[in-house]
């Protein structure tokens, strides 16, 4: 039996002081009094619902043989479990990636951050809000193709980002709901009416709020306005890098949505964790200078972005929004676990839960990560 002594334990349900976490066979079996002092803080491991990869690898183009290395690197930033995210690409590559990820989940998935399933970001998205995606990879809603993906992925698709204003999106949403797949609006030009109609068909979340979506207008809420004000919707807060979105905007969003309806993600791509240099990312040349990525795409000069690890992300969120560490636990562990319907075993540090634990110092630096009781 492994024992971890901490000065503070934030379980996701309560805050305890001077405790010993007892772990056996990957589970928390007991929480005892610790007769001593410690500056260490224990919080649940991060569950990243939107993560394309990092460290020069992603889940579409990287060989299956490299997934284990990628998952170990994901764990180094406090991610204990996650959804492997695939974005728009050729249909052949997209299909191959679904098969690869499903194979990894079923046959490997032992070392590093555990892959809980697949997040499909597209390809049923709006060409009016591309972000860094290729317009030629976006297609009209195709139910037969979706059914084929569901079959090829063997039930491992857990989440889909789509533009709910597209023709037949209501039928797509009904299909996703039938298979208990989370449906999220993103890369979308949807109106407020479109969003509320989609909610009736199972839409329940918004992907990377503010980015690649119809902006807020005082006579038309659009996707963004609904993301900020609709209490039914969870809203994703992706990569608080202090570059691509003004930190004051994050503070506003945090106040409006509250931590109970926000989800922190990295939305990480291959550039995360790479040194300065020139790289190819989604078919475009991107230059990393002092950790910041610069590129021109779609014929326009865009704001730079900084690829973020999860632990870097939460420190920026706390600095810029006033969020407490308890708030961070809600947004990065509890809420994702609830959304994925695994909150009976992950997302909390309570007895009989998986021992997915991040140990921080008093300055919120990540010191250690345990995944199902194994020190990473």
Protein backbone atom coordinates (compact mmCIF):
# COMPACT_ATOMS: atom_id res chain seq x y z
CA UNK A 1 0.00 0.00 0.00
CA UNK A 2 1.30 3.46 -1.00
CA UNK A 3 0.80 6.44 1.29
CA UNK A 4 0.99 10.14 0.34
CA UNK A 5 1.16 12.78 3.08
CA UNK A 6 -0.20 16.23 2.19
CA UNK A 7 -0.95 19.44 4.03
CA UNK A 8 -4.07 20.08 1.94
CA UNK A 9 -6.33 17.69 0.05
CA UNK A 10 -8.84 19.14 -2.40
CA UNK A 11 -11.06 16.19 -3.23
CA UNK A 12 -13.54 17.90 -5.56
CA UNK A 13 -16.21 17.60 -2.86
CA UNK A 14 -14.41 18.97 0.20
CA UNK A 15 -11.14 20.49 1.41
CA UNK A 16 -9.20 18.58 4.06
CA UNK A 17 -6.00 19.42 5.93
CA UNK A 18 -3.10 17.21 7.04
CA UNK A 19 -4.18 13.95 5.47
CA UNK A 20 -2.57 10.71 4.33
CA UNK A 21 -3.94 9.28 1.09
CA UNK A 22 -3.73 5.48 1.13
CA UNK A 23 -3.57 3.77 -2.26
CA UNK A 24 -3.88 0.10 -3.14
CA UNK A 25 -4.41 -1.58 -6.50
CA UNK A 26 -4.83 1.77 -8.24
CA UNK A 27 -7.60 3.01 -5.93
CA UNK A 28 -7.83 5.34 -2.95
CA UNK A 29 -8.79 2.97 -0.15
CA UNK A 30 -8.49 5.23 2.88
CA UNK A 31 -7.90 8.87 3.87
CA UNK A 32 -6.24 9.09 7.28
CA UNK A 33 -5.08 11.84 9.61
CA UNK A 34 -1.47 12.91 9.02
CA UNK A 35 0.35 13.74 12.24
CA UNK A 36 2.85 16.16 10.77
CA UNK A 37 3.25 19.24 8.59
CA UNK A 38 3.49 19.53 4.84
CA UNK A 39 3.29 22.25 2.18
CA UNK A 40 2.14 19.73 -0.41
CA UNK A 41 -1.31 20.00 -1.99
CA UNK A 42 -3.16 17.06 -3.58
CA UNK A 43 -5.77 17.64 -6.30
CA UNK A 44 -7.44 15.29 -8.78
CA UNK A 45 -5.58 14.64 -12.04
CA UNK A 46 -6.55 16.77 -15.02
CA UNK A 47 -9.01 15.33 -17.56
CA UNK A 48 -8.37 17.01 -20.91
CA UNK A 49 -11.40 16.79 -23.23
CA UNK A 50 -9.75 18.63 -26.14
CA UNK A 51 -6.19 17.60 -26.93
CA UNK A 52 -4.77 16.98 -30.40
CA UNK A 53 -1.30 16.00 -29.18
CA UNK A 54 1.98 17.82 -28.62
CA UNK A 55 5.74 17.40 -28.55
CA UNK A 56 5.82 16.99 -32.34
CA UNK A 57 3.10 14.31 -32.39
CA UNK A 58 -0.66 14.18 -32.93
CA UNK A 59 -3.39 11.55 -33.12
CA UNK A 60 -3.93 11.81 -36.89
CA UNK A 61 -0.46 11.82 -38.44
CA UNK A 62 1.65 10.07 -35.81
CA UNK A 63 2.26 6.32 -36.04
CA UNK A 64 0.49 4.17 -33.48
CA UNK A 65 3.89 3.04 -32.21
CA UNK A 66 4.56 6.57 -30.91
CA UNK A 67 1.34 6.96 -28.95
CA UNK A 68 2.84 5.58 -25.74
CA UNK A 69 5.61 8.20 -25.81
CA UNK A 70 3.03 10.92 -26.41
CA UNK A 71 0.88 9.72 -23.50
CA UNK A 72 3.86 9.75 -21.14
CA UNK A 73 4.59 13.34 -22.14
CA UNK A 74 0.94 14.28 -21.63
CA UNK A 75 1.18 12.88 -18.10
CA UNK A 76 4.23 15.07 -17.39
CA UNK A 77 1.94 18.13 -17.34
CA UNK A 78 -0.62 16.64 -14.94
CA UNK A 79 -3.00 15.12 -17.49
CA UNK A 80 -4.10 11.77 -16.09
CA UNK A 81 -6.82 11.00 -18.64
CA UNK A 82 -8.09 12.63 -21.80
CA UNK A 83 -9.90 12.46 -25.12
CA UNK A 84 -7.65 12.06 -28.15
CA UNK A 85 -8.87 14.78 -30.51
CA UNK A 86 -8.88 14.45 -34.29
CA UNK A 87 -9.53 17.48 -36.46
CA UNK A 88 -10.50 17.94 -40.09
CA UNK A 89 -8.22 16.24 -42.58
CA UNK A 90 -8.70 13.97 -45.57
CA UNK A 91 -11.46 11.46 -44.99
CA UNK A 92 -8.94 8.65 -45.41
CA UNK A 93 -6.66 10.06 -42.69
CA UNK A 94 -9.62 10.75 -40.45
CA UNK A 95 -10.89 7.21 -40.75
CA UNK A 96 -7.41 5.75 -40.20
CA UNK A 97 -6.97 7.82 -37.04
CA UNK A 98 -10.26 6.54 -35.58
CA UNK A 99 -9.09 2.97 -36.12
CA UNK A 100 -5.61 3.70 -34.67
CA UNK A 101 -6.90 5.38 -31.53
CA UNK A 102 -9.51 2.69 -30.93
CA UNK A 103 -6.84 0.02 -31.28
CA UNK A 104 -4.60 1.82 -28.79
CA UNK A 105 -7.46 2.15 -26.27
CA UNK A 106 -8.32 -1.54 -26.48
CA UNK A 107 -4.86 -3.12 -26.72
CA UNK A 108 -2.42 -0.73 -25.00
CA UNK A 109 -3.32 2.42 -23.05
CA UNK A 110 -1.35 1.39 -19.97
CA UNK A 111 1.45 3.96 -19.70
CA UNK A 112 1.03 7.69 -19.29
CA UNK A 113 -2.24 9.60 -19.59
CA UNK A 114 -5.13 7.23 -20.25
CA UNK A 115 -7.11 7.81 -23.45
CA UNK A 116 -10.78 7.65 -22.47
CA UNK A 117 -12.12 8.04 -25.99
CA UNK A 118 -12.13 10.20 -29.10
CA UNK A 119 -13.16 13.80 -29.66
CA UNK A 120 -13.99 14.47 -33.31
CA UNK A 121 -13.56 18.19 -34.02
CA UNK A 122 -15.34 18.22 -37.35
CA UNK A 123 -15.58 17.75 -40.23
CA UNK A 124 -19.16 19.12 -40.09
CA UNK A 125 -18.05 22.70 -39.45
CA UNK A 126 -18.67 26.16 -40.90
CA UNK A 127 -16.29 27.48 -43.59
CA UNK A 128 -17.03 30.96 -42.18
CA UNK A 129 -15.12 30.15 -38.97
CA UNK A 130 -12.15 28.05 -39.98
CA UNK A 131 -9.60 28.86 -37.31
CA UNK A 132 -6.46 27.07 -38.49
CA UNK A 133 -8.43 24.37 -40.30
CA UNK A 134 -8.46 23.71 -44.02
CA UNK A 135 -11.69 24.76 -45.75
CA UNK A 136 -11.41 21.83 -48.16
CA UNK A 137 -11.63 19.37 -45.28
CA UNK A 138 -15.01 20.64 -44.09
CA UNK A 139 -18.02 18.79 -45.48
CA UNK A 140 -21.80 18.79 -45.28
CA UNK A 141 -23.48 16.67 -42.65
CA UNK A 142 -23.43 13.03 -43.75
CA UNK A 143 -25.31 10.59 -41.53
CA UNK A 144 -24.18 7.46 -43.37
CA UNK A 145 -20.54 8.50 -43.03
CA UNK A 146 -21.06 9.23 -39.34
CA UNK A 147 -22.55 5.77 -38.81
CA UNK A 148 -19.48 4.27 -40.49
CA UNK A 149 -17.20 6.20 -38.13
CA UNK A 150 -19.19 5.02 -35.14
CA UNK A 151 -18.74 1.44 -36.31
CA UNK A 152 -15.04 1.79 -37.14
CA UNK A 153 -14.32 3.48 -33.79
CA UNK A 154 -16.01 0.60 -31.92
CA UNK A 155 -17.91 2.84 -29.55
CA UNK A 156 -14.92 5.00 -28.58
CA UNK A 157 -16.19 8.30 -30.04
CA UNK A 158 -17.29 10.21 -26.93
CA UNK A 159 -17.50 13.80 -28.18
CA UNK A 160 -18.12 15.68 -31.42
CA UNK A 161 -17.71 19.36 -32.24
CA UNK A 162 -20.04 20.50 -35.04
CA UNK A 163 -21.71 23.58 -36.50
CA UNK A 164 -25.38 23.17 -35.50
CA UNK A 165 -26.65 25.59 -38.17
CA UNK A 166 -25.72 23.19 -40.99
CA UNK A 167 -28.44 21.34 -42.89
CA UNK A 168 -29.43 18.04 -41.24
CA UNK A 169 -27.52 18.89 -38.06
CA UNK A 170 -30.67 18.09 -36.07
CA UNK A 171 -30.58 14.53 -37.44
CA UNK A 172 -26.86 14.31 -36.66
CA UNK A 173 -27.50 15.51 -33.11
CA UNK A 174 -30.24 12.92 -32.67
CA UNK A 175 -27.81 10.21 -33.82
CA UNK A 176 -25.13 11.40 -31.39
CA UNK A 177 -27.61 11.50 -28.53
CA UNK A 178 -28.72 7.96 -29.36
CA UNK A 179 -25.10 6.84 -28.94
CA UNK A 180 -24.58 8.98 -25.80
CA UNK A 181 -21.96 11.15 -27.53
CA UNK A 182 -21.46 14.69 -26.23
CA UNK A 183 -22.37 17.26 -28.90
CA UNK A 184 -20.65 20.65 -28.80
CA UNK A 185 -21.00 23.76 -30.99
CA UNK A 186 -17.76 25.01 -32.49
CA UNK A 187 -16.37 26.52 -35.69
CA UNK A 188 -19.92 27.74 -36.07
CA UNK A 189 -21.92 30.69 -37.37
CA UNK A 190 -25.05 29.60 -35.51
CA UNK A 191 -27.58 32.15 -34.34
CA UNK A 192 -29.16 32.08 -30.92
CA UNK A 193 -32.22 30.42 -32.48
CA UNK A 194 -29.99 27.75 -34.06
CA UNK A 195 -28.32 27.00 -30.72
CA UNK A 196 -31.56 26.68 -28.81
CA UNK A 197 -33.06 24.44 -31.48
CA UNK A 198 -29.91 22.29 -31.29
CA UNK A 199 -30.21 22.06 -27.50
CA UNK A 200 -33.56 20.40 -28.08
CA UNK A 201 -31.72 17.73 -30.07
CA UNK A 202 -28.98 17.16 -27.51
CA UNK A 203 -26.39 19.95 -27.90
CA UNK A 204 -24.89 20.58 -24.45
CA UNK A 205 -21.51 22.29 -24.81
CA UNK A 206 -19.52 24.94 -26.69
CA UNK A 207 -15.99 24.29 -27.95
CA UNK A 208 -13.13 26.80 -27.35
CA UNK A 209 -15.35 29.72 -26.41
CA UNK A 210 -14.60 32.97 -28.32
CA UNK A 211 -12.45 31.28 -30.96
CA UNK A 212 -13.84 30.35 -34.38
CA UNK A 213 -17.47 31.25 -33.75
CA UNK A 214 -20.07 33.89 -34.51
CA UNK A 215 -19.35 36.86 -32.26
CA UNK A 216 -21.71 38.46 -29.78
CA UNK A 217 -23.99 41.24 -31.08
CA UNK A 218 -26.35 43.25 -28.93
CA UNK A 219 -29.33 42.17 -31.09
CA UNK A 220 -28.12 38.63 -31.79
CA UNK A 221 -26.44 36.52 -29.10
CA UNK A 222 -25.06 34.00 -31.57
CA UNK A 223 -22.91 31.08 -30.41
CA UNK A 224 -20.77 33.22 -28.13
CA UNK A 225 -23.67 34.94 -26.40
CA UNK A 226 -25.34 31.60 -25.73
CA UNK A 227 -22.04 30.16 -24.49
CA UNK A 228 -21.76 32.99 -21.99
CA UNK A 229 -25.36 33.23 -20.79
CA UNK A 230 -27.17 29.94 -21.39
CA UNK A 231 -27.10 28.07 -18.09
CA UNK A 232 -27.74 24.75 -19.83
CA UNK A 233 -24.51 24.82 -21.81
CA UNK A 234 -21.05 23.94 -20.58
CA UNK A 235 -18.39 26.19 -22.09
CA UNK A 236 -14.83 25.18 -22.85
CA UNK A 237 -12.04 27.54 -21.81
CA UNK A 238 -9.11 26.49 -24.01
CA UNK A 239 -5.47 27.48 -23.63
CA UNK A 240 -5.44 30.69 -21.57
CA UNK A 241 -2.20 31.83 -23.23
CA UNK A 242 -2.54 35.63 -22.67
CA UNK A 243 -1.98 36.12 -26.43
CA UNK A 244 -4.90 34.93 -28.52
CA UNK A 245 -7.59 36.21 -26.15
CA UNK A 246 -7.30 39.21 -23.83
CA UNK A 247 -7.04 37.99 -20.20
CA UNK A 248 -9.78 40.43 -19.19
CA UNK A 249 -12.15 38.55 -21.49
CA UNK A 250 -11.38 35.33 -19.60
CA UNK A 251 -12.16 37.12 -16.35
CA UNK A 252 -15.53 38.23 -17.74
CA UNK A 253 -16.32 34.71 -18.95
CA UNK A 254 -15.40 33.21 -15.59
CA UNK A 255 -17.74 35.59 -13.77
CA UNK A 256 -20.62 34.90 -16.15
CA UNK A 257 -20.36 31.13 -16.44
CA UNK A 258 -18.90 30.33 -13.01
CA UNK A 259 -16.61 27.30 -12.52
CA UNK A 260 -19.65 25.01 -12.32
CA UNK A 261 -20.27 25.35 -16.06
CA UNK A 262 -16.75 25.79 -17.43
CA UNK A 263 -14.28 23.19 -18.62
CA UNK A 264 -10.54 23.80 -18.94
CA UNK A 265 -8.70 22.19 -21.86
CA UNK A 266 -5.39 22.65 -23.64
CA UNK A 267 -6.67 22.26 -27.24
CA UNK A 268 -3.02 21.30 -27.67
CA UNK A 269 -1.47 20.62 -31.07
CA UNK A 270 1.94 19.31 -32.09
CA UNK A 271 3.67 22.57 -31.14
CA UNK A 272 3.12 22.11 -27.41
CA UNK A 273 6.45 21.40 -25.72
CA UNK A 274 8.60 22.10 -28.79
CA UNK A 275 11.59 24.50 -28.83
CA UNK A 276 11.85 27.59 -31.02
CA UNK A 277 11.99 26.86 -34.75
CA UNK A 278 9.91 26.42 -37.90
CA UNK A 279 7.36 23.61 -38.05
CA UNK A 280 4.59 22.30 -40.25
CA UNK A 281 1.26 22.25 -38.44
CA UNK A 282 -1.93 21.28 -40.27
CA UNK A 283 -0.25 21.95 -43.60
CA UNK A 284 1.06 25.41 -42.70
CA UNK A 285 4.48 26.68 -41.75
CA UNK A 286 4.49 28.04 -38.21
CA UNK A 287 7.45 29.66 -36.52
CA UNK A 288 7.93 29.39 -32.77
CA UNK A 289 9.69 32.43 -31.32
CA UNK A 290 10.23 32.59 -27.54
CA UNK A 291 7.54 29.94 -27.11
CA UNK A 292 4.95 31.83 -29.15
CA UNK A 293 3.65 30.57 -32.51
CA UNK A 294 3.34 33.04 -35.40
CA UNK A 295 1.66 32.38 -38.73
CA UNK A 296 -0.42 33.92 -41.48
CA UNK A 297 -3.30 31.75 -42.64
CA UNK A 298 -6.37 32.10 -44.83
CA UNK A 299 -4.72 35.19 -46.31
CA UNK A 300 -4.92 37.17 -43.08
CA UNK A 301 -2.50 38.18 -40.37
CA UNK A 302 -3.72 36.62 -37.12
CA UNK A 303 -2.82 37.09 -33.52
CA UNK A 304 -0.10 34.75 -32.28
CA UNK A 305 -0.79 31.96 -29.85
CA UNK A 306 1.28 30.20 -27.22
CA UNK A 307 1.04 26.40 -27.02
CA UNK A 308 0.18 25.62 -23.40
CA UNK A 309 0.69 22.64 -21.15
CA UNK A 310 -2.19 21.97 -18.77
CA UNK A 311 -0.33 23.12 -15.68
CA UNK A 312 0.75 26.35 -17.43
CA UNK A 313 -2.83 26.87 -18.47
CA UNK A 314 -4.27 26.63 -14.96
CA UNK A 315 -1.67 29.02 -13.53
CA UNK A 316 -2.67 31.62 -16.14
CA UNK A 317 -6.37 31.04 -15.44
CA UNK A 318 -5.84 31.59 -11.73
CA UNK A 319 -3.74 34.70 -12.31
CA UNK A 320 -6.17 36.32 -14.74
CA UNK A 321 -9.62 35.34 -13.46
CA UNK A 322 -9.30 35.12 -9.70
CA UNK A 323 -10.16 31.42 -9.79
CA UNK A 324 -9.11 29.45 -6.72
CA UNK A 325 -7.48 26.04 -6.82
CA UNK A 326 -10.85 24.61 -5.77
CA UNK A 327 -12.38 26.27 -8.86
CA UNK A 328 -9.63 24.76 -11.00
CA UNK A 329 -10.48 21.29 -9.68
CA UNK A 330 -14.10 21.78 -10.74
CA UNK A 331 -13.18 22.98 -14.24
CA UNK A 332 -10.34 20.56 -14.95
CA UNK A 333 -11.44 17.35 -13.20
CA UNK A 334 -14.95 17.28 -11.76
CA UNK A 335 -16.84 18.79 -14.70
CA UNK A 336 -15.06 16.72 -17.38
CA UNK A 337 -15.71 13.56 -15.35
CA UNK A 338 -19.40 14.45 -15.08
CA UNK A 339 -19.62 15.21 -18.80
CA UNK A 340 -18.02 11.86 -19.67
CA UNK A 341 -20.18 10.03 -17.11
CA UNK A 342 -17.16 8.64 -15.27
CA UNK A 343 -17.64 10.66 -12.09
CA UNK A 344 -18.22 7.46 -10.16
CA UNK A 345 -14.51 6.61 -10.52
CA UNK A 346 -12.59 9.69 -11.72
CA UNK A 347 -12.63 13.43 -11.14
CA UNK A 348 -12.54 13.25 -7.32
CA UNK A 349 -10.04 12.17 -4.68
CA UNK A 350 -12.38 10.16 -2.52
CA UNK A 351 -12.41 6.58 -1.23
CA UNK A 352 -12.92 3.96 -3.98
CA UNK A 353 -11.96 6.42 -6.72
CA UNK A 354 -9.04 5.92 -9.08
CA UNK A 355 -5.82 7.28 -7.59
CA UNK A 356 -5.33 9.90 -10.32
CA UNK A 357 -3.53 12.53 -8.28
CA UNK A 358 -1.53 15.69 -8.90
CA UNK A 359 0.78 16.90 -6.12
CA UNK A 360 1.51 20.63 -6.13
CA UNK A 361 3.67 22.87 -3.99
CA UNK A 362 2.36 26.00 -2.31
CA UNK A 363 3.06 28.02 -5.47
CA UNK A 364 0.98 25.61 -7.60
CA UNK A 365 3.99 24.09 -9.32
CA UNK A 366 3.39 20.50 -10.36
CA UNK A 367 5.71 18.15 -8.48
CA UNK A 368 4.31 14.63 -8.99
CA UNK A 369 1.53 12.89 -10.89
CA UNK A 370 0.01 9.50 -10.08
CA UNK A 371 -2.15 7.67 -12.57
CA UNK A 372 -4.18 4.86 -11.03
CA UNK A 373 -1.67 4.84 -8.19
CA UNK A 374 1.44 4.69 -10.39
CA UNK A 375 3.94 7.53 -10.07
CA UNK A 376 4.66 8.93 -13.52
